[in-house]
Protein backbone atom coordinates (compact mmCIF):
# COMPACT_ATOMS: atom_id res chain seq x y z
CA MET A 1 15.23 -2.47 18.01
CA VAL A 2 11.85 -4.09 19.32
CA GLY A 3 12.86 -7.08 21.75
CA PHE A 4 12.39 -10.23 20.73
CA ASP A 5 11.07 -11.93 23.40
CA THR A 6 8.56 -8.95 24.29
CA HIS A 7 7.74 -9.27 19.98
CA GLN A 8 7.18 -13.04 20.85
CA GLN A 9 4.63 -12.95 23.55
CA THR A 10 2.93 -10.15 21.51
CA ALA A 11 2.19 -11.97 18.88
CA ARG A 12 1.35 -15.06 20.73
CA LEU A 13 -1.53 -13.60 22.35
CA VAL A 14 -2.64 -11.55 19.20
CA ASN A 15 -2.68 -14.86 17.11
CA CYS A 16 -4.25 -17.09 20.24
CA SER A 17 -6.76 -15.03 22.09
CA ALA A 18 -10.69 -14.46 21.10
CA GLN A 19 -10.28 -10.67 21.81
CA TYR A 20 -7.73 -10.05 19.28
CA ALA A 21 -10.15 -11.61 16.65
CA ARG A 22 -10.61 -7.89 15.11
CA THR A 23 -6.85 -7.38 15.33
CA ARG A 24 -5.71 -10.17 13.44
CA GLU A 25 -8.16 -8.68 10.36
CA LEU A 26 -6.87 -5.53 10.76
CA VAL A 27 -2.69 -6.88 10.55
CA ALA A 28 -4.04 -8.82 7.35
CA GLU A 29 -5.51 -6.10 5.70
CA LEU A 30 -2.53 -4.04 6.20
CA ASP A 31 -0.23 -6.79 4.88
CA GLN A 32 -2.42 -6.85 2.26
CA ILE A 33 -2.02 -3.24 1.28
CA ILE A 34 1.54 -3.66 1.85
CA LEU A 35 1.95 -6.61 -0.94
CA GLU A 36 -0.41 -4.23 -3.36
CA SER A 37 1.63 -1.06 -2.93
CA LYS A 38 4.60 -2.52 -4.45
CA ILE A 39 7.00 -0.65 -2.21
CA GLY A 40 9.49 -3.50 -2.43
CA TYR A 41 11.10 -6.06 0.56
CA VAL A 42 13.07 -3.84 1.98
CA GLU A 43 10.72 -1.22 2.91
CA GLY A 44 7.97 -3.54 3.50
CA MET A 45 9.79 -5.34 6.11
CA ASP A 46 10.49 -1.61 7.73
CA VAL A 47 6.94 -1.02 7.80
CA LEU A 48 6.08 -4.12 9.78
CA ALA A 49 9.09 -3.37 12.14
CA ALA A 50 7.11 0.14 12.98
CA ARG A 51 3.81 -2.07 12.98
CA ASP A 52 5.68 -4.51 15.74
CA LEU A 53 7.01 -1.71 17.60
CA SER A 54 3.73 -0.40 18.03
CA PHE A 55 2.08 -3.46 18.74
CA CYS A 56 4.75 -3.77 21.84
CA ALA A 57 4.12 0.00 22.76
CA HIS A 58 1.15 0.14 23.16
CA PHE A 59 -0.16 -3.87 23.97
CA ARG A 60 -0.69 -3.21 27.70
CA GLN A 61 -2.45 0.30 27.04
CA ALA A 62 -6.15 0.42 28.56
CA ASP A 63 -8.66 -0.47 26.00
CA ARG A 64 -10.27 2.18 23.57
CA PHE A 65 -13.63 3.68 24.55
CA ASP A 66 -15.16 1.45 22.39
CA GLY A 67 -13.80 -1.88 23.85
CA GLN A 68 -11.47 -2.81 21.65
CA PRO A 69 -7.78 -3.33 22.30
CA PHE A 70 -5.84 -0.22 21.90
CA ILE A 71 -3.56 -1.96 19.55
CA ASN A 72 -6.29 -1.70 16.75
CA GLN A 73 -6.63 1.71 17.08
CA PRO A 74 -2.72 2.23 15.32
CA LEU A 75 -3.70 -0.16 12.66
CA GLU A 76 -6.75 1.42 11.62
CA VAL A 77 -5.28 4.54 11.28
CA ALA A 78 -2.59 3.11 9.20
CA ILE A 79 -5.35 1.27 6.88
CA THR A 80 -7.44 4.69 6.77
CA THR A 81 -4.62 6.51 5.77
CA ALA A 82 -3.94 3.92 2.84
CA LYS A 83 -7.16 3.58 1.74
CA LYS A 84 -9.21 6.53 2.06
CA PHE A 85 -6.54 9.07 0.69
CA CYS A 86 -4.43 6.82 -1.04
CA LEU A 87 -1.16 7.40 0.78
CA ALA A 88 -0.02 3.68 0.97
CA GLN A 89 3.75 5.21 0.57
CA PRO A 90 6.34 3.70 3.62
CA THR A 91 7.11 6.25 5.09
CA ILE A 92 3.42 7.79 5.83
CA LEU A 93 2.61 4.15 6.97
CA LYS A 94 5.61 4.13 9.49
CA ALA A 95 4.33 7.66 10.64
CA ALA A 96 0.67 6.35 10.81
CA LEU A 97 1.72 3.40 12.95
CA LEU A 98 3.52 5.06 15.13
CA HIS A 99 1.34 8.37 15.59
CA ALA A 100 0.14 7.74 19.12
CA ALA A 101 3.49 6.19 20.51
CA VAL A 102 4.91 9.04 21.65
CA GLU A 103 2.07 10.82 22.82
CA HIS A 104 1.30 7.45 25.15
CA GLN A 105 4.09 5.26 25.75
CA PRO A 106 7.50 7.35 25.29
CA ASP A 107 8.94 5.09 28.38
CA ARG A 108 7.88 1.85 26.25
CA ILE A 109 9.62 3.14 23.00
CA LEU A 110 12.49 3.92 25.03
CA ARG A 111 13.09 0.45 26.62
CA LEU A 112 11.95 -1.09 23.14
CA LEU A 113 14.90 0.91 21.19
CA GLY A 114 17.35 0.96 23.72
CA GLY A 115 17.26 4.81 24.46
CA ASP A 116 18.48 6.73 27.32
CA PHE A 117 15.81 6.19 30.13
CA SER A 118 15.45 8.84 32.68
CA PRO A 119 12.22 9.58 34.74
CA SER A 120 13.39 13.11 34.94
CA GLY A 121 14.49 13.32 31.46
CA ASN A 122 12.63 14.29 28.34
CA MET A 123 11.23 11.19 27.53
CA ARG A 124 9.05 12.54 24.41
CA GLY A 125 12.51 14.15 22.91
CA GLU A 126 14.46 10.85 23.46
CA ALA A 127 11.60 8.81 21.85
CA LEU A 128 11.08 10.89 19.01
CA ARG A 129 15.27 11.13 18.30
CA LEU A 130 14.80 6.98 18.64
CA ILE A 131 12.20 6.72 15.87
CA GLY A 132 13.90 9.42 13.58
CA ASP A 133 17.56 7.07 14.01
CA ARG A 134 15.65 3.78 13.32
CA PHE A 135 12.68 4.98 10.62
CA GLY A 136 13.96 8.20 9.28
CA ALA A 137 13.76 11.87 10.21
CA ARG A 138 10.51 12.46 7.86
CA VAL A 139 8.95 9.51 9.77
CA ALA A 140 9.90 11.29 13.17
CA GLN A 141 8.79 14.80 12.14
CA ILE A 142 5.40 13.50 11.41
CA VAL A 143 5.22 11.85 14.53
CA GLU A 144 5.84 14.82 16.70
CA MET A 145 3.34 16.73 14.63
CA LEU A 146 0.93 14.40 15.31
CA THR A 147 2.23 14.27 19.42
CA PRO A 148 -0.16 16.79 21.49
CA GLN A 149 1.05 18.60 24.33
CA ASP A 150 -0.74 18.35 27.41
CA PHE A 151 -3.74 20.23 26.91
CA HIS A 152 -4.99 19.96 30.46
CA ASP A 153 -1.74 21.30 32.04
CA MET A 154 -1.69 24.17 29.49
CA ALA A 155 -5.27 25.04 30.47
CA VAL A 156 -4.58 24.90 34.28
CA THR A 157 -1.83 27.50 33.38
CA ALA A 158 -4.07 29.52 31.51
CA GLN A 159 -6.09 29.81 34.31
CA MET A 160 -3.71 30.46 36.75
CA ARG A 161 -3.12 33.70 34.26
CA GLY A 162 -6.19 34.88 34.33
CA ASP A 163 -8.41 32.98 32.16
CA ALA A 164 -11.82 32.51 33.48
CA ARG A 165 -13.40 30.05 31.10
CA SER A 166 -13.58 26.04 32.41
CA LEU A 167 -10.66 23.90 32.38
CA ALA A 168 -12.64 21.96 29.42
CA GLU A 169 -13.41 25.03 27.40
CA ILE A 170 -9.97 26.08 27.11
CA GLU A 171 -8.88 22.41 26.30
CA ARG A 172 -10.76 22.44 23.64
CA GLN A 173 -9.47 25.51 22.24
CA PHE A 174 -6.08 24.36 22.65
CA ASN A 175 -7.42 21.08 20.82
CA LYS A 176 -8.82 23.10 17.83
CA GLU A 177 -5.45 25.00 17.72
CA TYR A 178 -3.57 22.36 17.79
CA PHE A 179 -5.52 20.47 14.81
CA VAL A 180 -5.61 23.60 12.65
CA GLY A 181 -1.60 23.98 13.33
CA ILE A 182 -0.96 20.41 11.52
CA LEU A 183 -3.60 21.56 8.79
CA LYS A 184 -1.42 24.99 7.83
CA ARG A 185 1.82 22.90 8.56
CA ASP A 186 1.80 19.80 6.66
CA PRO A 187 -1.15 18.45 4.72
CA GLU A 188 0.28 14.67 4.91
CA ALA A 189 0.29 14.68 8.77
CA PHE A 190 -2.94 16.53 8.92
CA LEU A 191 -4.17 13.32 6.54
CA ILE A 192 -2.95 11.03 8.97
CA LYS A 193 -4.56 13.17 12.03
CA LEU A 194 -8.34 12.95 9.74
CA ALA A 195 -7.68 9.54 9.63
CA GLU A 196 -7.23 9.05 13.23
CA LEU A 197 -10.30 11.77 13.77
CA SER A 198 -12.31 9.19 11.23
CA VAL A 199 -11.35 6.34 13.64
CA SER A 200 -12.32 7.70 16.88
CA ALA A 201 -15.14 9.99 16.18
CA CYS A 202 -16.79 7.48 14.03
CA SER A 203 -16.91 5.09 16.64
CA LEU A 204 -19.29 6.95 19.00
CA SER A 205 -22.02 5.01 17.77
CA VAL A 206 -21.00 1.62 19.26
CA VAL A 207 -20.13 3.27 22.61
CA SER A 208 -23.07 2.13 24.86
CA ASP A 209 -21.53 3.37 28.26
CA GLY A 210 -23.13 7.06 28.88
CA GLY A 211 -19.98 8.32 30.82
CA ALA A 212 -17.88 7.37 27.64
CA ARG A 213 -20.20 9.01 25.02
CA GLU A 214 -20.72 12.15 26.69
CA ARG A 215 -16.22 12.58 27.18
CA VAL A 216 -16.41 11.20 23.22
CA ARG A 217 -18.83 14.08 22.24
CA ALA A 218 -16.98 16.40 24.58
CA GLN A 219 -13.69 15.84 23.00
CA PHE A 220 -14.51 15.51 19.31
CA GLY A 221 -17.63 17.28 18.19
CA PRO A 222 -15.91 20.62 18.50
CA ILE A 223 -12.90 19.29 16.53
CA LEU A 224 -15.47 17.79 13.63
CA LEU A 225 -17.07 21.48 12.97
CA GLU A 226 -14.00 23.18 13.21
CA VAL A 227 -12.41 20.74 10.39
CA VAL A 228 -15.42 21.25 8.26
CA GLU A 229 -14.96 25.31 8.55
CA ARG A 230 -11.29 24.64 7.73
CA LEU A 231 -11.83 22.56 4.79
CA LYS A 232 -14.45 24.95 3.32
CA ASP A 233 -11.25 27.28 3.07
CA ILE A 234 -9.06 25.08 0.93
CA PRO A 235 -8.76 26.13 -2.79
CA SER A 236 -10.43 23.62 -4.95
CA LYS A 237 -7.12 23.41 -7.07
CA GLY A 238 -3.53 23.34 -6.34
CA HIS A 239 -3.52 22.40 -2.55
CA ALA A 240 -2.61 18.76 -1.24
CA LEU A 241 -5.77 18.28 -0.12
CA SER A 242 -8.01 19.86 -2.94
CA CYS A 243 -9.10 16.61 -4.01
CA TRP A 244 -10.21 15.74 -0.59
CA LYS A 245 -11.96 18.42 0.69
CA ASP A 246 -15.38 18.07 -0.60
CA SER A 247 -15.89 14.55 0.21
CA LEU A 248 -14.42 14.62 3.61
CA ARG A 249 -16.69 18.02 4.60
CA THR A 250 -19.50 15.81 3.57
CA GLU A 251 -18.70 12.71 5.59
CA LEU A 252 -17.68 14.62 8.86
CA MET A 253 -20.76 16.87 8.72
CA TRP A 254 -22.87 13.22 8.23
CA VAL A 255 -21.19 12.15 11.24
CA TYR A 256 -21.85 15.12 13.34
CA ALA A 257 -25.54 15.22 12.44
CA ARG A 258 -25.61 11.61 12.69
CA ASP A 259 -23.97 11.76 16.53
CA TYR A 260 -23.13 14.72 17.74
CA SER A 261 -25.78 17.53 17.03
CA SER A 262 -28.30 16.89 19.40
CA PRO A 263 -27.96 16.45 23.02
CA GLU A 264 -28.29 12.96 24.31
């Protein structure tokens, strides 16, 4: 369980600090989604428990590239998943709220959920086990799918085995393959990943730091094009993403044309 003292300290700062004004707006928006979805008291409280766990796990994490507290990102992804893709089921909301926790803060998850913490052990695997025990196997399955491997280490290994491309090129290739793999295996998880892409890639317009802008462009530009191309191949009927493909392609192509197509 999330430690009471940790949660109270986090809540106090979020409620009182001007830095978290946007966070408070997002919390209110998520609360409204939970109420309107009529998922029931027990499931609603479980979604809030996932939100609190996400808060406590990410609270001390460095701010995002757009200057916002990182804890805003899981909230935005959950809200985007619910509102844009009409996925307000408890399992999806919990997975969206926890989608980055194992990737960035597995040690915090272990501490907060009372797991077996060992720096030399498989922290990610233990964190996923704890999430499954607390929130269900399907939540853990989606979170695992949304937790990428260390593409930098994979790129270094590829170079050692003779790949002549730069590390950045190899990492981008692994990232594209990762996105495509989610699309093929699990449409619900892919929609959460698209929500994350929408939140992150569409934020470039508010990033002023030149170095940060270049990193964002390098990370998300190729992914936007790859997703647009892959969505084109989805049939118009009979696929879980059929009803979203055209609007998503239009939106992502517009974002790419606005922020990513021309060199700065």
